[in-house]
Structures are given as structure tokens and as C-alpha cells.
Amino acid sequence: MSEKITELGLQKSSAKMLKKNSVLIALVGATIGKVGYLTFETTTNQNIAGLYPLNNKTLKTKFLYFATMGLYLKFSL
């Protein structure tokens, strides 16, 4: 089953649209600081931060992903 948010639902909620190749960081709960790499465009709620470089020529998203993986211990202190 495939579920999707409508454009109106996106506009009237706190959901955010995230680009393909964004780096995801969990902001709350037991998974705080965990990092993921998005391979498709999607939406998420306020519990996830999506990072994407302003200029993909100077900062590659894969590098950003691996760099943020080292932040987990800083969140869990």
C-alpha cells in the first residue's frame, strides 16, 4: 500500500518536503542523533531534520552523510 500526503495536507501541517539525497538526522526520542540518507523525495515531520547543501559542487551529500554520522555521541550525552 502506498500512502501519500496531498499538497493541501502539506501546506496545512508541519510536514516538510525533503529532496532526494538529503541527509536525515533524528531529533528526538531513542533514535536522537541517528543519521540516514534519503534516496527519494519524501515528506517528514518535525522530528527529523533534513540537510542538503546549498551548493552540491562544494559539498557533496555523501560526504555530509558520513560527517554527520560522527555526531551521534554528541546527541546522546
PDB file of N, CA and C in Angstrom:
ATOM      1  N   MET A   1       0.843  -1.177   0.000  1.00  0.00           N
ATOM      2  CA  MET A   1       0.000   0.000   0.000  1.00  0.00           C
ATOM      3  C   MET A   1       0.888   1.240   0.000  1.00  0.00           C
ATOM      4  N   SER A   2       0.567   2.181  -0.844  1.00  0.00           N
ATOM      5  CA  SER A   2       1.323   3.425  -0.948  1.00  0.00           C
ATOM      6  C   SER A   2       0.475   4.572  -0.420  1.00  0.00           C
ATOM      7  N   GLU A   3       0.982   5.270   0.603  1.00  0.00           N
ATOM      8  CA  GLU A   3       0.265   6.407   1.159  1.00  0.00           C
ATOM      9  C   GLU A   3       1.007   7.684   0.804  1.00  0.00           C
ATOM     10  N   LYS A   4       0.252   8.723   0.508  1.00  0.00           N
ATOM     11  CA  LYS A   4       0.860   9.997   0.132  1.00  0.00           C
ATOM     12  C   LYS A   4       0.130  11.136   0.813  1.00  0.00           C
ATOM     13  N   ILE A   5       0.851  12.203   1.101  1.00  0.00           N
ATOM     14  CA  ILE A   5       0.246  13.419   1.633  1.00  0.00           C
ATOM     15  C   ILE A   5      -0.168  14.287   0.455  1.00  0.00           C
ATOM     16  N   THR A   6      -1.315  14.915   0.565  1.00  0.00           N
ATOM     17  CA  THR A   6      -1.762  15.803  -0.503  1.00  0.00           C
ATOM     18  C   THR A   6      -1.034  17.143  -0.393  1.00  0.00           C
ATOM     19  N   GLU A   7      -1.092  17.921  -1.451  1.00  0.00           N
ATOM     20  CA  GLU A   7      -0.481  19.251  -1.433  1.00  0.00           C
ATOM     21  C   GLU A   7      -1.122  20.111  -0.345  1.00  0.00           C
ATOM     22  N   LEU A   8      -2.440  20.026  -0.202  1.00  0.00           N
ATOM     23  CA  LEU A   8      -3.138  20.783   0.836  1.00  0.00           C
ATOM     24  C   LEU A   8      -2.719  20.309   2.223  1.00  0.00           C
ATOM     25  N   GLY A   9      -2.588  19.007   2.395  1.00  0.00           N
ATOM     26  CA  GLY A   9      -2.137  18.461   3.672  1.00  0.00           C
ATOM     27  C   GLY A   9      -0.735  18.942   4.025  1.00  0.00           C
ATOM     28  N   LEU A  10       0.134  19.023   3.033  1.00  0.00           N
ATOM     29  CA  LEU A  10       1.498  19.509   3.238  1.00  0.00           C
ATOM     30  C   LEU A  10       1.484  20.979   3.650  1.00  0.00           C
ATOM     31  N   GLN A  11       0.651  21.775   3.013  1.00  0.00           N
ATOM     32  CA  GLN A  11       0.576  23.204   3.314  1.00  0.00           C
ATOM     33  C   GLN A  11      -0.002  23.474   4.704  1.00  0.00           C
ATOM     34  N   LYS A  12      -0.919  22.648   5.156  1.00  0.00           N
ATOM     35  CA  LYS A  12      -1.619  22.901   6.423  1.00  0.00           C
ATOM     36  C   LYS A  12      -1.051  22.097   7.586  1.00  0.00           C
ATOM     37  N   SER A  13       0.129  21.552   7.426  1.00  0.00           N
ATOM     38  CA  SER A  13       0.729  20.760   8.501  1.00  0.00           C
ATOM     39  C   SER A  13       2.164  21.233   8.748  1.00  0.00           C
ATOM     40  N   SER A  14       2.798  20.612   9.719  1.00  0.00           N
ATOM     41  CA  SER A  14       4.201  20.929   9.994  1.00  0.00           C
ATOM     42  C   SER A  14       5.136  20.035   9.172  1.00  0.00           C
ATOM     43  N   ALA A  15       4.579  19.237   8.283  1.00  0.00           N
ATOM     44  CA  ALA A  15       5.400  18.359   7.444  1.00  0.00           C
ATOM     45  C   ALA A  15       6.287  19.192   6.519  1.00  0.00           C
ATOM     46  N   LYS A  16       7.449  18.643   6.204  1.00  0.00           N
ATOM     47  CA  LYS A  16       8.397  19.306   5.307  1.00  0.00           C
ATOM     48  C   LYS A  16       8.693  18.374   4.137  1.00  0.00           C
ATOM     49  N   MET A  17       8.888  18.950   2.961  1.00  0.00           N
ATOM     50  CA  MET A  17       9.299  18.182   1.788  1.00  0.00           C
ATOM     51  C   MET A  17      10.821  18.109   1.791  1.00  0.00           C
ATOM     52  N   LEU A  18      11.351  16.919   1.622  1.00  0.00           N
ATOM     53  CA  LEU A  18      12.798  16.718   1.585  1.00  0.00           C
ATOM     54  C   LEU A  18      13.220  16.229   0.210  1.00  0.00           C
ATOM     55  N   LYS A  19      14.337  16.771  -0.272  1.00  0.00           N
ATOM     56  CA  LYS A  19      14.874  16.390  -1.581  1.00  0.00           C
ATOM     57  C   LYS A  19      15.516  15.009  -1.542  1.00  0.00           C
ATOM     58  N   LYS A  20      15.559  14.381  -2.700  1.00  0.00           N
ATOM     59  CA  LYS A  20      16.336  13.160  -2.870  1.00  0.00           C
ATOM     60  C   LYS A  20      17.792  13.477  -2.510  1.00  0.00           C
ATOM     61  N   ASN A  21      18.480  12.563  -1.886  1.00  0.00           N
ATOM     62  CA  ASN A  21      19.876  12.675  -1.458  1.00  0.00           C
ATOM     63  C   ASN A  21      20.068  13.585  -0.248  1.00  0.00           C
ATOM     64  N   SER A  22      18.993  13.878   0.479  1.00  0.00           N
ATOM     65  CA  SER A  22      19.125  14.641   1.721  1.00  0.00           C
ATOM     66  C   SER A  22      19.691  13.744   2.817  1.00  0.00           C
ATOM     67  N   VAL A  23      20.359  14.368   3.767  1.00  0.00           N
ATOM     68  CA  VAL A  23      20.838  13.671   4.957  1.00  0.00           C
ATOM     69  C   VAL A  23      19.809  13.895   6.052  1.00  0.00           C
ATOM     70  N   LEU A  24      19.400  12.836   6.715  1.00  0.00           N
ATOM     71  CA  LEU A  24      18.379  12.904   7.753  1.00  0.00           C
ATOM     72  C   LEU A  24      19.014  12.715   9.119  1.00  0.00           C
ATOM     73  N   ILE A  25      18.557  13.494  10.098  1.00  0.00           N
ATOM     74  CA  ILE A  25      19.014  13.332  11.473  1.00  0.00           C
ATOM     75  C   ILE A  25      17.784  13.307  12.377  1.00  0.00           C
ATOM     76  N   ALA A  26      17.666  12.252  13.177  1.00  0.00           N
ATOM     77  CA  ALA A  26      16.571  12.154  14.143  1.00  0.00           C
ATOM     78  C   ALA A  26      16.821  13.151  15.267  1.00  0.00           C
ATOM     79  N   LEU A  27      15.796  13.900  15.652  1.00  0.00           N
ATOM     80  CA  LEU A  27      15.955  14.975  16.628  1.00  0.00           C
ATOM     81  C   LEU A  27      15.422  14.651  18.016  1.00  0.00           C
ATOM     82  N   VAL A  28      14.618  13.607  18.166  1.00  0.00           N
ATOM     83  CA  VAL A  28      14.013  13.287  19.462  1.00  0.00           C
ATOM     84  C   VAL A  28      13.959  11.777  19.688  1.00  0.00           C
ATOM     85  N   GLY A  29      13.720  11.414  20.933  1.00  0.00           N
ATOM     86  CA  GLY A  29      13.463  10.026  21.274  1.00  0.00           C
ATOM     87  C   GLY A  29      14.692   9.146  21.329  1.00  0.00           C
ATOM     88  N   ALA A  30      14.452   7.857  21.320  1.00  0.00           N
ATOM     89  CA  ALA A  30      15.524   6.870  21.451  1.00  0.00           C
ATOM     90  C   ALA A  30      16.484   6.889  20.271  1.00  0.00           C
ATOM     91  N   THR A  31      16.053   7.413  19.145  1.00  0.00           N
ATOM     92  CA  THR A  31      16.906   7.440  17.945  1.00  0.00           C
ATOM     93  C   THR A  31      17.593   8.786  17.738  1.00  0.00           C
ATOM     94  N   ILE A  32      17.522   9.682  18.723  1.00  0.00           N
ATOM     95  CA  ILE A  32      18.102  11.018  18.570  1.00  0.00           C
ATOM     96  C   ILE A  32      19.565  10.930  18.112  1.00  0.00           C
ATOM     97  N   GLY A  33      19.880  11.685  17.074  1.00  0.00           N
ATOM     98  CA  GLY A  33      21.234  11.703  16.539  1.00  0.00           C
ATOM     99  C   GLY A  33      21.519  10.652  15.491  1.00  0.00           C
ATOM    100  N   LYS A  34      20.616   9.710  15.304  1.00  0.00           N
ATOM    101  CA  LYS A  34      20.811   8.704  14.252  1.00  0.00           C
ATOM    102  C   LYS A  34      20.690   9.394  12.898  1.00  0.00           C
ATOM    103  N   VAL A  35      21.461   8.935  11.938  1.00  0.00           N
ATOM    104  CA  VAL A  35      21.556   9.574  10.631  1.00  0.00           C
ATOM    105  C   VAL A  35      21.119   8.604   9.543  1.00  0.00           C
ATOM    106  N   GLY A  36      20.468   9.139   8.532  1.00  0.00           N
ATOM    107  CA  GLY A  36      20.073   8.343   7.380  1.00  0.00           C
ATOM    108  C   GLY A  36      20.319   9.127   6.107  1.00  0.00           C
ATOM    109  N   TYR A  37      20.263   8.421   4.977  1.00  0.00           N
ATOM    110  CA  TYR A  37      20.477   9.041   3.665  1.00  0.00           C
ATOM    111  C   TYR A  37      19.253   8.749   2.811  1.00  0.00           C
ATOM    112  N   LEU A  38      18.620   9.780   2.318  1.00  0.00           N
ATOM    113  CA  LEU A  38      17.371   9.662   1.585  1.00  0.00           C
ATOM    114  C   LEU A  38      17.642   9.450   0.100  1.00  0.00           C
ATOM    115  N   THR A  39      17.100   8.392  -0.459  1.00  0.00           N
ATOM    116  CA  THR A  39      17.323   8.088  -1.876  1.00  0.00           C
ATOM    117  C   THR A  39      16.121   8.444  -2.748  1.00  0.00           C
ATOM    118  N   PHE A  40      15.129   9.114  -2.173  1.00  0.00           N
ATOM    119  CA  PHE A  40      13.938   9.531  -2.917  1.00  0.00           C
ATOM    120  C   PHE A  40      13.350  10.761  -2.237  1.00  0.00           C
ATOM    121  N   GLU A  41      12.549  11.533  -2.953  1.00  0.00           N
ATOM    122  CA  GLU A  41      11.893  12.697  -2.379  1.00  0.00           C
ATOM    123  C   GLU A  41      10.752  12.222  -1.485  1.00  0.00           C
ATOM    124  N   THR A  42      10.602  12.865  -0.333  1.00  0.00           N
ATOM    125  CA  THR A  42       9.538  12.483   0.590  1.00  0.00           C
ATOM    126  C   THR A  42       9.228  13.622   1.547  1.00  0.00           C
ATOM    127  N   THR A  43       8.244  13.419   2.393  1.00  0.00           N
ATOM    128  CA  THR A  43       7.922  14.381   3.439  1.00  0.00           C
ATOM    129  C   THR A  43       8.239  13.757   4.795  1.00  0.00           C
ATOM    130  N   THR A  44       8.415  14.628   5.784  1.00  0.00           N
ATOM    131  CA  THR A  44       8.647  14.160   7.146  1.00  0.00           C
ATOM    132  C   THR A  44       8.076  15.184   8.120  1.00  0.00           C
ATOM    133  N   ASN A  45       8.034  14.807   9.378  1.00  0.00           N
ATOM    134  CA  ASN A  45       7.518  15.729  10.401  1.00  0.00           C
ATOM    135  C   ASN A  45       8.672  16.449  11.097  1.00  0.00           C
ATOM    136  N   GLN A  46       8.353  17.164  12.160  1.00  0.00           N
ATOM    137  CA  GLN A  46       9.340  17.977  12.866  1.00  0.00           C
ATOM    138  C   GLN A  46      10.346  17.158  13.671  1.00  0.00           C
ATOM    139  N   ASN A  47      10.188  15.859  13.755  1.00  0.00           N
ATOM    140  CA  ASN A  47      11.123  15.008  14.498  1.00  0.00           C
ATOM    141  C   ASN A  47      12.371  14.648  13.695  1.00  0.00           C
ATOM    142  N   ILE A  48      12.393  15.016  12.430  1.00  0.00           N
ATOM    143  CA  ILE A  48      13.526  14.705  11.548  1.00  0.00           C
ATOM    144  C   ILE A  48      14.032  15.996  10.913  1.00  0.00           C
ATOM    145  N   ALA A  49      15.344  16.196  10.947  1.00  0.00           N
ATOM    146  CA  ALA A  49      15.971  17.312  10.229  1.00  0.00           C
ATOM    147  C   ALA A  49      16.501  16.785   8.910  1.00  0.00           C
ATOM    148  N   GLY A  50      16.298  17.539   7.866  1.00  0.00           N
ATOM    149  CA  GLY A  50      16.828  17.181   6.552  1.00  0.00           C
ATOM    150  C   GLY A  50      17.889  18.179   6.145  1.00  0.00           C
ATOM    151  N   LEU A  51      19.085  17.689   5.855  1.00  0.00           N
ATOM    152  CA  LEU A  51      20.196  18.557   5.451  1.00  0.00           C
ATOM    153  C   LEU A  51      20.502  18.338   3.984  1.00  0.00           C
ATOM    154  N   TYR A  52      20.703  19.429   3.280  1.00  0.00           N
ATOM    155  CA  TYR A  52      21.049  19.369   1.867  1.00  0.00           C
ATOM    156  C   TYR A  52      21.919  20.575   1.562  1.00  0.00           C
ATOM    157  N   PRO A  53      23.081  20.370   0.942  1.00  0.00           N
ATOM    158  CA  PRO A  53      23.984  21.502   0.683  1.00  0.00           C
ATOM    159  C   PRO A  53      23.364  22.534  -0.261  1.00  0.00           C
ATOM    160  N   LEU A  54      23.655  23.796  -0.013  1.00  0.00           N
ATOM    161  CA  LEU A  54      23.206  24.849  -0.923  1.00  0.00           C
ATOM    162  C   LEU A  54      23.902  24.729  -2.273  1.00  0.00           C
ATOM    163  N   ASN A  55      25.149  24.282  -2.252  1.00  0.00           N
ATOM    164  CA  ASN A  55      25.921  24.119  -3.480  1.00  0.00           C
ATOM    165  C   ASN A  55      26.525  22.717  -3.492  1.00  0.00           C
ATOM    166  N   ASN A  56      25.966  21.843  -4.302  1.00  0.00           N
ATOM    167  CA  ASN A  56      26.407  20.449  -4.354  1.00  0.00           C
ATOM    168  C   ASN A  56      27.784  20.296  -5.009  1.00  0.00           C
ATOM    169  N   LYS A  57      28.309  21.372  -5.600  1.00  0.00           N
ATOM    170  CA  LYS A  57      29.645  21.308  -6.187  1.00  0.00           C
ATOM    171  C   LYS A  57      30.724  21.493  -5.118  1.00  0.00           C
ATOM    172  N   THR A  58      30.401  22.199  -4.038  1.00  0.00           N
ATOM    173  CA  THR A  58      31.389  22.430  -2.983  1.00  0.00           C
ATOM    174  C   THR A  58      31.222  21.487  -1.794  1.00  0.00           C
ATOM    175  N   LEU A  59      30.032  20.914  -1.639  1.00  0.00           N
ATOM    176  CA  LEU A  59      29.791  19.964  -0.549  1.00  0.00           C
ATOM    177  C   LEU A  59      28.895  18.846  -1.067  1.00  0.00           C
ATOM    178  N   LYS A  60      29.421  17.667  -1.147  1.00  0.00           N
ATOM    179  CA  LYS A  60      28.667  16.508  -1.625  1.00  0.00           C
ATOM    180  C   LYS A  60      27.821  15.936  -0.499  1.00  0.00           C
ATOM    181  N   THR A  61      26.608  15.506  -0.835  1.00  0.00           N
ATOM    182  CA  THR A  61      25.713  14.987   0.191  1.00  0.00           C
ATOM    183  C   THR A  61      26.239  13.709   0.837  1.00  0.00           C
ATOM    184  N   LYS A  62      26.928  12.868   0.103  1.00  0.00           N
ATOM    185  CA  LYS A  62      27.501  11.660   0.709  1.00  0.00           C
ATOM    186  C   LYS A  62      28.560  12.026   1.754  1.00  0.00           C
ATOM    187  N   PHE A  63      29.362  13.046   1.494  1.00  0.00           N
ATOM    188  CA  PHE A  63      30.345  13.497   2.477  1.00  0.00           C
ATOM    189  C   PHE A  63      29.619  14.028   3.720  1.00  0.00           C
ATOM    190  N   LEU A  64      28.579  14.817   3.502  1.00  0.00           N
ATOM    191  CA  LEU A  64      27.790  15.340   4.611  1.00  0.00           C
ATOM    192  C   LEU A  64      27.206  14.201   5.446  1.00  0.00           C
ATOM    193  N   TYR A  65      26.729  13.162   4.784  1.00  0.00           N
ATOM    194  CA  TYR A  65      26.190  11.989   5.476  1.00  0.00           C
ATOM    195  C   TYR A  65      27.241  11.352   6.389  1.00  0.00           C
ATOM    196  N   PHE A  66      28.407  11.070   5.843  1.00  0.00           N
ATOM    197  CA  PHE A  66      29.444  10.419   6.647  1.00  0.00           C
ATOM    198  C   PHE A  66      29.968  11.340   7.747  1.00  0.00           C
ATOM    199  N   ALA A  67      30.026  12.641   7.493  1.00  0.00           N
ATOM    200  CA  ALA A  67      30.485  13.590   8.508  1.00  0.00           C
ATOM    201  C   ALA A  67      29.505  13.660   9.678  1.00  0.00           C
ATOM    202  N   THR A  68      28.207  13.590   9.401  1.00  0.00           N
ATOM    203  CA  THR A  68      27.218  13.678  10.465  1.00  0.00           C
ATOM    204  C   THR A  68      27.080  12.372  11.251  1.00  0.00           C
ATOM    205  N   MET A  69      27.518  11.288  10.703  1.00  0.00           N
ATOM    206  CA  MET A  69      27.444  10.015  11.433  1.00  0.00           C
ATOM    207  C   MET A  69      28.241  10.093  12.742  1.00  0.00           C
ATOM    208  N   GLY A  70      29.264  10.900  12.782  1.00  0.00           N
ATOM    209  CA  GLY A  70      30.089  11.032  13.971  1.00  0.00           C
ATOM    210  C   GLY A  70      29.468  11.891  15.060  1.00  0.00           C
ATOM    211  N   LEU A  71      28.305  12.477  14.808  1.00  0.00           N
ATOM    212  CA  LEU A  71      27.664  13.345  15.788  1.00  0.00           C
ATOM    213  C   LEU A  71      26.789  12.599  16.788  1.00  0.00           C
ATOM    214  N   TYR A  72      26.528  11.318  16.562  1.00  0.00           N
ATOM    215  CA  TYR A  72      25.598  10.565  17.407  1.00  0.00           C
ATOM    216  C   TYR A  72      25.947  10.668  18.897  1.00  0.00           C
ATOM    217  N   LEU A  73      27.199  10.521  19.248  1.00  0.00           N
ATOM    218  CA  LEU A  73      27.581  10.567  20.655  1.00  0.00           C
ATOM    219  C   LEU A  73      27.347  11.949  21.263  1.00  0.00           C
ATOM    220  N   LYS A  74      27.423  12.995  20.460  1.00  0.00           N
ATOM    221  CA  LYS A  74      27.174  14.336  20.979  1.00  0.00           C
ATOM    222  C   LYS A  74      25.704  14.524  21.348  1.00  0.00           C
ATOM    223  N   PHE A  75      24.804  13.874  20.614  1.00  0.00           N
ATOM    224  CA  PHE A  75      23.379  13.950  20.925  1.00  0.00           C
ATOM    225  C   PHE A  75      23.025  13.133  22.156  1.00  0.00           C
ATOM    226  N   SER A  76      23.715  12.054  22.383  1.00  0.00           N
ATOM    227  CA  SER A  76      23.317  11.127  23.432  1.00  0.00           C
ATOM    228  C   SER A  76      23.949  11.458  24.802  1.00  0.00           C
ATOM    229  N   LEU A  77      24.720  12.514  24.906  1.00  0.00           N
ATOM    230  CA  LEU A  77      25.329  12.878  26.178  1.00  0.00           C
ATOM    231  C   LEU A  77      24.356  13.548  27.110  1.00  0.00           C
TER     232      LEU A  77
END
